[in-house]
PDB file of all heavy atoms in Angstrom:
ATOM      1  N   ASP A   1      46.883   7.601   3.591  1.00  0.00           N
ATOM      2  CA  ASP A   1      48.164   8.079   4.119  1.00  0.00           C
ATOM      3  C   ASP A   1      49.023   6.885   4.560  1.00  0.00           C
ATOM      4  O   ASP A   1      48.610   6.088   5.402  1.00  0.00           O
ATOM      5  CB  ASP A   1      47.903   9.010   5.294  1.00  0.00           C
ATOM      6  CG  ASP A   1      49.128   9.802   5.712  1.00  0.00           C
ATOM      7  OD1 ASP A   1      50.250   9.271   5.604  1.00  0.00           O
ATOM      8  OD2 ASP A   1      48.969  10.945   6.163  1.00  0.00           O
ATOM      9  N   PHE A   2      50.234   6.779   3.981  1.00  0.00           N
ATOM     10  CA  PHE A   2      51.164   5.703   4.310  1.00  0.00           C
ATOM     11  C   PHE A   2      52.376   6.219   5.098  1.00  0.00           C
ATOM     12  O   PHE A   2      53.405   5.553   5.131  1.00  0.00           O
ATOM     13  CB  PHE A   2      51.651   5.021   3.033  1.00  0.00           C
ATOM     14  CG  PHE A   2      50.609   4.233   2.300  1.00  0.00           C
ATOM     15  CD1 PHE A   2      49.802   4.826   1.329  1.00  0.00           C
ATOM     16  CD2 PHE A   2      50.423   2.881   2.561  1.00  0.00           C
ATOM     17  CE1 PHE A   2      48.846   4.095   0.642  1.00  0.00           C
ATOM     18  CE2 PHE A   2      49.468   2.133   1.881  1.00  0.00           C
ATOM     19  CZ  PHE A   2      48.677   2.747   0.919  1.00  0.00           C
ATOM     20  N   THR A   3      52.274   7.359   5.720  1.00  0.00           N
ATOM     21  CA  THR A   3      53.399   7.917   6.461  1.00  0.00           C
ATOM     22  C   THR A   3      53.854   6.957   7.560  1.00  0.00           C
ATOM     23  O   THR A   3      53.059   6.517   8.389  1.00  0.00           O
ATOM     24  CB  THR A   3      53.011   9.269   7.089  1.00  0.00           C
ATOM     25  OG1 THR A   3      52.628  10.184   6.055  1.00  0.00           O
ATOM     26  CG2 THR A   3      54.163   9.868   7.861  1.00  0.00           C
ATOM     27  N   GLY A   4      55.154   6.632   7.564  1.00  0.00           N
ATOM     28  CA  GLY A   4      55.717   5.745   8.574  1.00  0.00           C
ATOM     29  C   GLY A   4      55.592   4.272   8.270  1.00  0.00           C
ATOM     30  O   GLY A   4      56.192   3.438   8.966  1.00  0.00           O
ATOM     31  N   PHE A   5      54.845   3.905   7.245  1.00  0.00           N
ATOM     32  CA  PHE A   5      54.629   2.493   6.896  1.00  0.00           C
ATOM     33  C   PHE A   5      55.910   1.909   6.309  1.00  0.00           C
ATOM     34  O   PHE A   5      56.527   2.490   5.417  1.00  0.00           O
ATOM     35  CB  PHE A   5      53.483   2.397   5.901  1.00  0.00           C
ATOM     36  CG  PHE A   5      53.090   0.993   5.521  1.00  0.00           C
ATOM     37  CD1 PHE A   5      52.779   0.053   6.485  1.00  0.00           C
ATOM     38  CD2 PHE A   5      53.006   0.617   4.183  1.00  0.00           C
ATOM     39  CE1 PHE A   5      52.386  -1.233   6.136  1.00  0.00           C
ATOM     40  CE2 PHE A   5      52.625  -0.648   3.813  1.00  0.00           C
ATOM     41  CZ  PHE A   5      52.310  -1.588   4.799  1.00  0.00           C
ATOM     42  N   THR A   6      56.335   0.756   6.807  1.00  0.00           N
ATOM     43  CA  THR A   6      57.562   0.110   6.337  1.00  0.00           C
ATOM     44  C   THR A   6      57.284  -1.175   5.571  1.00  0.00           C
ATOM     45  O   THR A   6      58.213  -1.879   5.184  1.00  0.00           O
ATOM     46  CB  THR A   6      58.496  -0.208   7.517  1.00  0.00           C
ATOM     47  OG1 THR A   6      57.816  -1.073   8.434  1.00  0.00           O
ATOM     48  CG2 THR A   6      58.927   1.069   8.225  1.00  0.00           C
ATOM     49  N   GLY A   7      56.030  -1.473   5.364  1.00  0.00           N
ATOM     50  CA  GLY A   7      55.665  -2.685   4.636  1.00  0.00           C
ATOM     51  C   GLY A   7      55.510  -2.431   3.145  1.00  0.00           C
ATOM     52  O   GLY A   7      56.059  -1.479   2.583  1.00  0.00           O
ATOM     53  N   THR A   8      54.731  -3.293   2.508  1.00  0.00           N
ATOM     54  CA  THR A   8      54.513  -3.243   1.056  1.00  0.00           C
ATOM     55  C   THR A   8      53.023  -3.088   0.772  1.00  0.00           C
ATOM     56  O   THR A   8      52.194  -3.812   1.349  1.00  0.00           O
ATOM     57  CB  THR A   8      55.025  -4.523   0.388  1.00  0.00           C
ATOM     58  OG1 THR A   8      56.433  -4.640   0.595  1.00  0.00           O
ATOM     59  CG2 THR A   8      54.750  -4.506  -1.108  1.00  0.00           C
ATOM     60  N   PHE A   9      52.703  -2.144  -0.105  1.00  0.00           N
ATOM     61  CA  PHE A   9      51.341  -2.042  -0.616  1.00  0.00           C
ATOM     62  C   PHE A   9      51.392  -2.393  -2.089  1.00  0.00           C
ATOM     63  O   PHE A   9      52.152  -1.799  -2.857  1.00  0.00           O
ATOM     64  CB  PHE A   9      50.768  -0.641  -0.423  1.00  0.00           C
ATOM     65  CG  PHE A   9      49.333  -0.531  -0.867  1.00  0.00           C
ATOM     66  CD1 PHE A   9      48.325  -1.159  -0.145  1.00  0.00           C
ATOM     67  CD2 PHE A   9      48.984   0.177  -1.993  1.00  0.00           C
ATOM     68  CE1 PHE A   9      46.995  -1.076  -0.550  1.00  0.00           C
ATOM     69  CE2 PHE A   9      47.667   0.276  -2.406  1.00  0.00           C
ATOM     70  CZ  PHE A   9      46.672  -0.361  -1.685  1.00  0.00           C
ATOM     71  N   SER A  10      50.593  -3.373  -2.475  1.00  0.00           N
ATOM     72  CA  SER A  10      50.654  -3.886  -3.839  1.00  0.00           C
ATOM     73  C   SER A  10      49.337  -3.684  -4.568  1.00  0.00           C
ATOM     74  O   SER A  10      48.278  -4.095  -4.088  1.00  0.00           O
ATOM     75  CB  SER A  10      51.009  -5.380  -3.829  1.00  0.00           C
ATOM     76  OG  SER A  10      50.947  -5.899  -5.142  1.00  0.00           O
ATOM     77  N   MET A  11      49.435  -3.051  -5.744  1.00  0.00           N
ATOM     78  CA  MET A  11      48.311  -2.984  -6.673  1.00  0.00           C
ATOM     79  C   MET A  11      48.586  -3.884  -7.876  1.00  0.00           C
ATOM     80  O   MET A  11      47.908  -3.794  -8.893  1.00  0.00           O
ATOM     81  CB  MET A  11      48.091  -1.543  -7.136  1.00  0.00           C
ATOM     82  CG  MET A  11      47.753  -0.581  -6.020  1.00  0.00           C
ATOM     83  SD  MET A  11      47.551   1.137  -6.563  1.00  0.00           S
ATOM     84  CE  MET A  11      46.006   1.044  -7.459  1.00  0.00           C
ATOM     85  N   PHE A  12      49.569  -4.747  -7.732  1.00  0.00           N
ATOM     86  CA  PHE A  12      50.077  -5.523  -8.861  1.00  0.00           C
ATOM     87  C   PHE A  12      49.015  -6.439  -9.468  1.00  0.00           C
ATOM     88  O   PHE A  12      48.979  -6.641 -10.668  1.00  0.00           O
ATOM     89  CB  PHE A  12      51.287  -6.356  -8.422  1.00  0.00           C
ATOM     90  CG  PHE A  12      52.108  -6.869  -9.559  1.00  0.00           C
ATOM     91  CD1 PHE A  12      53.035  -6.048 -10.195  1.00  0.00           C
ATOM     92  CD2 PHE A  12      51.960  -8.165 -10.010  1.00  0.00           C
ATOM     93  CE1 PHE A  12      53.796  -6.511 -11.250  1.00  0.00           C
ATOM     94  CE2 PHE A  12      52.721  -8.638 -11.075  1.00  0.00           C
ATOM     95  CZ  PHE A  12      53.642  -7.811 -11.704  1.00  0.00           C
ATOM     96  N   ASN A  13      48.154  -6.991  -8.634  1.00  0.00           N
ATOM     97  CA  ASN A  13      47.148  -7.937  -9.122  1.00  0.00           C
ATOM     98  C   ASN A  13      45.738  -7.379  -9.105  1.00  0.00           C
ATOM     99  O   ASN A  13      44.771  -8.126  -9.184  1.00  0.00           O
ATOM    100  CB  ASN A  13      47.206  -9.222  -8.296  1.00  0.00           C
ATOM    101  CG  ASN A  13      48.506  -9.974  -8.507  1.00  0.00           C
ATOM    102  OD1 ASN A  13      48.965 -10.111  -9.623  1.00  0.00           O
ATOM    103  ND2 ASN A  13      49.096 -10.453  -7.419  1.00  0.00           N
ATOM    104  N   SER A  14      45.620  -6.047  -8.987  1.00  0.00           N
ATOM    105  CA  SER A  14      44.282  -5.459  -8.963  1.00  0.00           C
ATOM    106  C   SER A  14      43.683  -5.360 -10.355  1.00  0.00           C
ATOM    107  O   SER A  14      42.485  -5.168 -10.514  1.00  0.00           O
ATOM    108  CB  SER A  14      44.308  -4.085  -8.291  1.00  0.00           C
ATOM    109  OG  SER A  14      45.255  -3.252  -8.905  1.00  0.00           O
ATOM    110  N   VAL A  15      44.503  -5.490 -11.376  1.00  0.00           N
ATOM    111  CA  VAL A  15      44.104  -5.571 -12.781  1.00  0.00           C
ATOM    112  C   VAL A  15      43.298  -4.347 -13.204  1.00  0.00           C
ATOM    113  O   VAL A  15      43.845  -3.429 -13.795  1.00  0.00           O
ATOM    114  CB  VAL A  15      43.346  -6.882 -13.095  1.00  0.00           C
ATOM    115  CG1 VAL A  15      43.122  -7.007 -14.595  1.00  0.00           C
ATOM    116  CG2 VAL A  15      44.135  -8.082 -12.578  1.00  0.00           C
ATOM    117  N   THR A  16      42.004  -4.324 -12.928  1.00  0.00           N
ATOM    118  CA  THR A  16      41.185  -3.193 -13.386  1.00  0.00           C
ATOM    119  C   THR A  16      40.444  -2.506 -12.253  1.00  0.00           C
ATOM    120  O   THR A  16      39.629  -1.621 -12.503  1.00  0.00           O
ATOM    121  CB  THR A  16      40.159  -3.653 -14.445  1.00  0.00           C
ATOM    122  OG1 THR A  16      39.331  -4.672 -13.874  1.00  0.00           O
ATOM    123  CG2 THR A  16      40.860  -4.202 -15.678  1.00  0.00           C
ATOM    124  N   SER A  17      40.662  -2.910 -11.005  1.00  0.00           N
ATOM    125  CA  SER A  17      39.938  -2.314  -9.879  1.00  0.00           C
ATOM    126  C   SER A  17      40.714  -1.120  -9.341  1.00  0.00           C
ATOM    127  O   SER A  17      41.800  -1.274  -8.782  1.00  0.00           O
ATOM    128  CB  SER A  17      39.741  -3.353  -8.775  1.00  0.00           C
ATOM    129  OG  SER A  17      38.922  -4.411  -9.237  1.00  0.00           O
ATOM    130  N   ASN A  18      40.144   0.070  -9.498  1.00  0.00           N
ATOM    131  CA  ASN A  18      40.827   1.287  -9.085  1.00  0.00           C
ATOM    132  C   ASN A  18      40.708   1.509  -7.576  1.00  0.00           C
ATOM    133  O   ASN A  18      39.843   0.952  -6.909  1.00  0.00           O
ATOM    134  CB  ASN A  18      40.241   2.495  -9.819  1.00  0.00           C
ATOM    135  CG  ASN A  18      40.549   2.454 -11.299  1.00  0.00           C
ATOM    136  OD1 ASN A  18      41.676   2.196 -11.697  1.00  0.00           O
ATOM    137  ND2 ASN A  18      39.550   2.726 -12.131  1.00  0.00           N
ATOM    138  N   ASN A  19      41.575   2.330  -7.073  1.00  0.00           N
ATOM    139  CA  ASN A  19      41.545   2.798  -5.697  1.00  0.00           C
ATOM    140  C   ASN A  19      40.985   4.216  -5.741  1.00  0.00           C
ATOM    141  O   ASN A  19      41.620   5.115  -6.319  1.00  0.00           O
ATOM    142  CB  ASN A  19      42.954   2.771  -5.103  1.00  0.00           C
ATOM    143  CG  ASN A  19      42.978   2.942  -3.606  1.00  0.00           C
ATOM    144  OD1 ASN A  19      42.419   3.903  -3.095  1.00  0.00           O
ATOM    145  ND2 ASN A  19      43.640   2.032  -2.911  1.00  0.00           N
ATOM    146  N   VAL A  20      39.826   4.431  -5.164  1.00  0.00           N
ATOM    147  CA  VAL A  20      39.109   5.699  -5.313  1.00  0.00           C
ATOM    148  C   VAL A  20      39.300   6.536  -4.052  1.00  0.00           C
ATOM    149  O   VAL A  20      38.988   6.092  -2.943  1.00  0.00           O
ATOM    150  CB  VAL A  20      37.615   5.457  -5.587  1.00  0.00           C
ATOM    151  CG1 VAL A  20      36.869   6.782  -5.686  1.00  0.00           C
ATOM    152  CG2 VAL A  20      37.452   4.659  -6.880  1.00  0.00           C
ATOM    153  N   ILE A  21      39.806   7.765  -4.235  1.00  0.00           N
ATOM    154  CA  ILE A  21      40.193   8.627  -3.122  1.00  0.00           C
ATOM    155  C   ILE A  21      39.410   9.933  -3.209  1.00  0.00           C
ATOM    156  O   ILE A  21      39.458  10.638  -4.227  1.00  0.00           O
ATOM    157  CB  ILE A  21      41.707   8.902  -3.149  1.00  0.00           C
ATOM    158  CG1 ILE A  21      42.477   7.580  -3.034  1.00  0.00           C
ATOM    159  CG2 ILE A  21      42.117   9.871  -2.045  1.00  0.00           C
ATOM    160  CD1 ILE A  21      43.973   7.730  -3.214  1.00  0.00           C
ATOM    161  N   SER A  22      38.718  10.286  -2.121  1.00  0.00           N
ATOM    162  CA  SER A  22      37.900  11.500  -2.108  1.00  0.00           C
ATOM    163  C   SER A  22      38.663  12.723  -1.625  1.00  0.00           C
ATOM    164  O   SER A  22      38.103  13.815  -1.596  1.00  0.00           O
ATOM    165  CB  SER A  22      36.670  11.280  -1.208  1.00  0.00           C
ATOM    166  OG  SER A  22      35.924  10.174  -1.665  1.00  0.00           O
ATOM    167  N   GLY A  23      39.907  12.537  -1.216  1.00  0.00           N
ATOM    168  CA  GLY A  23      40.717  13.649  -0.745  1.00  0.00           C
ATOM    169  C   GLY A  23      42.104  13.586  -1.334  1.00  0.00           C
ATOM    170  O   GLY A  23      42.295  13.753  -2.528  1.00  0.00           O
ATOM    171  N   GLY A  24      43.126  13.350  -0.471  1.00  0.00           N
ATOM    172  CA  GLY A  24      44.511  13.354  -0.923  1.00  0.00           C
ATOM    173  C   GLY A  24      45.204  12.038  -0.675  1.00  0.00           C
ATOM    174  O   GLY A  24      44.654  11.101  -0.094  1.00  0.00           O
ATOM    175  N   LEU A  25      46.470  11.959  -1.131  1.00  0.00           N
ATOM    176  CA  LEU A  25      47.263  10.729  -1.051  1.00  0.00           C
ATOM    177  C   LEU A  25      48.669  11.069  -0.596  1.00  0.00           C
ATOM    178  O   LEU A  25      49.295  12.012  -1.115  1.00  0.00           O
ATOM    179  CB  LEU A  25      47.320  10.049  -2.416  1.00  0.00           C
ATOM    180  CG  LEU A  25      48.325   8.899  -2.567  1.00  0.00           C
ATOM    181  CD1 LEU A  25      47.880   7.681  -1.752  1.00  0.00           C
ATOM    182  CD2 LEU A  25      48.483   8.517  -4.044  1.00  0.00           C
ATOM    183  N   THR A  26      49.199  10.283   0.368  1.00  0.00           N
ATOM    184  CA  THR A  26      50.594  10.389   0.769  1.00  0.00           C
ATOM    185  C   THR A  26      51.192   8.995   0.774  1.00  0.00           C
ATOM    186  O   THR A  26      50.767   8.135   1.551  1.00  0.00           O
ATOM    187  CB  THR A  26      50.746  11.012   2.164  1.00  0.00           C
ATOM    188  OG1 THR A  26      50.190  12.329   2.171  1.00  0.00           O
ATOM    189  CG2 THR A  26      52.213  11.088   2.565  1.00  0.00           C
ATOM    190  N   LEU A  27      52.167   8.751  -0.102  1.00  0.00           N
ATOM    191  CA  LEU A  27      52.909   7.497  -0.092  1.00  0.00           C
ATOM    192  C   LEU A  27      54.103   7.656   0.838  1.00  0.00           C
ATOM    193  O   LEU A  27      54.761   8.699   0.834  1.00  0.00           O
ATOM    194  CB  LEU A  27      53.367   7.131  -1.504  1.00  0.00           C
ATOM    195  CG  LEU A  27      52.241   6.869  -2.517  1.00  0.00           C
ATOM    196  CD1 LEU A  27      52.815   6.597  -3.903  1.00  0.00           C
ATOM    197  CD2 LEU A  27      51.366   5.699  -2.070  1.00  0.00           C
ATOM    198  N   GLY A  28      54.403   6.638   1.633  1.00  0.00           N
ATOM    199  CA  GLY A  28      55.482   6.720   2.604  1.00  0.00           C
ATOM    200  C   GLY A  28      56.846   6.561   1.987  1.00  0.00           C
ATOM    201  O   GLY A  28      57.034   5.761   1.055  1.00  0.00           O
ATOM    202  N   SER A  29      57.821   7.281   2.504  1.00  0.00           N
ATOM    203  CA  SER A  29      59.177   7.215   1.955  1.00  0.00           C
ATOM    204  C   SER A  29      59.826   5.859   2.214  1.00  0.00           C
ATOM    205  O   SER A  29      60.670   5.415   1.441  1.00  0.00           O
ATOM    206  CB  SER A  29      60.038   8.329   2.550  1.00  0.00           C
ATOM    207  OG  SER A  29      60.086   8.224   3.968  1.00  0.00           O
ATOM    208  N   GLY A  30      59.437   5.172   3.306  1.00  0.00           N
ATOM    209  CA  GLY A  30      60.066   3.914   3.659  1.00  0.00           C
ATOM    210  C   GLY A  30      59.288   2.686   3.239  1.00  0.00           C
ATOM    211  O   GLY A  30      59.687   1.559   3.566  1.00  0.00           O
ATOM    212  N   MET A  31      58.211   2.855   2.524  1.00  0.00           N
ATOM    213  CA  MET A  31      57.387   1.726   2.099  1.00  0.00           C
ATOM    214  C   MET A  31      57.840   1.200   0.749  1.00  0.00           C
ATOM    215  O   MET A  31      58.580   1.853   0.017  1.00  0.00           O
ATOM    216  CB  MET A  31      55.916   2.151   2.004  1.00  0.00           C
ATOM    217  CG  MET A  31      55.642   3.104   0.838  1.00  0.00           C
ATOM    218  SD  MET A  31      53.915   3.658   0.718  1.00  0.00           S
ATOM    219  CE  MET A  31      53.076   2.155   0.234  1.00  0.00           C
TER     220      MET A  31
END
């Protein structure tokens, strides 16, 4: 959950490493 986050989350250099989520995902509107 990224609610309220104003920074940057980068997957730009993760190349082949996935982000594994066992539930849900919320990307923040201001990130």
